[in-house]
């Protein structure tokens, strides 16, 4: 992971709602935007904004299956971020 990707990922994690989404995705296989809305209490447009930032940072992947969108934690990116940050110690 390069420093630009790290900057984008850490910026995405810096928000309490996006962090809570990532923590919940780490526990589950996937979530839908409506489940995220229930979890956070945010409006649908606000959830869409947070999901967009998480997918742009590549921390979350999005897959449409039928009428539903399923969000999953991108474990490769989170591993790369962890490896990058471990170099700071």
Protein backbone atom coordinates (compact mmCIF):
# COMPACT_ATOMS: atom_id res chain seq x y z
CA UNK A 1 0.00 0.00 0.00
CA UNK A 2 1.36 3.41 -0.92
CA UNK A 3 1.03 6.51 1.22
CA UNK A 4 -1.79 7.97 -0.94
CA UNK A 5 -3.91 4.82 -0.48
CA UNK A 6 -3.14 4.84 3.23
CA UNK A 7 -4.23 8.48 3.46
CA UNK A 8 -7.52 7.69 1.73
CA UNK A 9 -8.20 4.66 3.94
CA UNK A 10 -7.36 6.38 7.22
CA UNK A 11 -9.47 9.36 6.22
CA UNK A 12 -12.40 7.00 5.65
CA UNK A 13 -11.85 5.33 9.03
CA UNK A 14 -11.63 8.68 10.85
CA UNK A 15 -15.43 9.11 10.85
CA UNK A 16 -17.29 7.40 13.72
CA UNK A 17 -20.08 6.12 11.47
CA UNK A 18 -17.73 4.66 8.88
CA UNK A 19 -15.66 3.08 11.62
CA UNK A 20 -18.78 1.50 13.14
CA UNK A 21 -19.74 0.16 9.70
CA UNK A 22 -16.28 -1.39 9.27
CA UNK A 23 -16.38 -2.93 12.75
CA UNK A 24 -19.79 -4.46 12.05
CA UNK A 25 -18.66 -5.76 8.66
CA UNK A 26 -15.71 -7.42 10.39
CA UNK A 27 -18.24 -9.44 12.42
CA UNK A 28 -20.56 -10.29 9.52
CA UNK A 29 -20.03 -11.68 6.06
CA UNK A 30 -22.00 -8.85 4.43
CA UNK A 31 -24.52 -6.08 5.02
CA UNK A 32 -27.04 -4.20 2.93
CA UNK A 33 -27.36 -0.41 3.02
CA UNK A 34 -30.70 -0.78 4.83
CA UNK A 35 -28.98 -2.82 7.56
CA UNK A 36 -26.36 -0.08 7.85
CA UNK A 37 -29.15 2.46 8.12
CA UNK A 38 -30.66 0.46 11.01
CA UNK A 39 -27.25 0.14 12.68
CA UNK A 40 -26.33 3.81 12.46
CA UNK A 41 -29.72 5.54 12.48
CA UNK A 42 -28.61 7.65 9.52
CA UNK A 43 -30.78 8.62 6.56
CA UNK A 44 -30.49 6.69 3.30
CA UNK A 45 -28.63 9.51 1.48
CA UNK A 46 -26.19 9.80 4.37
CA UNK A 47 -25.58 6.02 4.36
CA UNK A 48 -24.98 6.20 0.60
CA UNK A 49 -22.39 8.94 1.14
CA UNK A 50 -20.52 6.93 3.78
CA UNK A 51 -20.66 3.73 1.71
CA UNK A 52 -19.31 5.64 -1.31
CA UNK A 53 -16.31 6.87 0.69
CA UNK A 54 -15.65 3.38 2.06
CA UNK A 55 -15.79 1.80 -1.39
CA UNK A 56 -13.63 4.54 -2.93
CA UNK A 57 -11.01 3.88 -0.25
CA UNK A 58 -11.28 0.18 -1.16
CA UNK A 59 -11.98 -0.80 2.46
CA UNK A 60 -15.40 -2.13 1.39
CA UNK A 61 -16.53 -3.92 -1.74
CA UNK A 62 -20.01 -3.65 -3.16
CA UNK A 63 -21.81 -6.32 -5.17
CA UNK A 64 -25.31 -6.11 -6.61
CA UNK A 65 -27.24 -9.38 -6.45
CA UNK A 66 -30.72 -9.05 -7.88
CA UNK A 67 -32.35 -6.03 -6.28
CA UNK A 68 -30.00 -5.96 -3.30
CA UNK A 69 -26.55 -4.48 -2.82
CA UNK A 70 -24.25 -6.37 -0.49
CA UNK A 71 -21.30 -4.69 1.16
CA UNK A 72 -18.31 -6.68 2.35
CA UNK A 73 -15.11 -5.83 4.15
CA UNK A 74 -12.15 -5.89 1.77
CA UNK A 75 -9.77 -7.94 3.89
CA UNK A 76 -6.88 -7.52 1.45
CA UNK A 77 -6.98 -3.74 1.82
CA UNK A 78 -7.37 -3.87 5.59
CA UNK A 79 -4.36 -6.22 5.77
CA UNK A 80 -2.31 -3.89 3.59
CA UNK A 81 -3.31 -0.93 5.77
CA UNK A 82 -2.34 -2.85 8.89
CA UNK A 83 1.03 -3.77 7.39
CA UNK A 84 1.62 -0.17 6.32
CA UNK A 85 0.80 1.18 9.79
CA UNK A 86 2.91 -1.45 11.54
CA UNK A 87 5.97 0.08 9.85
CA UNK A 88 5.46 3.15 12.04
CA UNK A 89 6.37 1.29 15.22
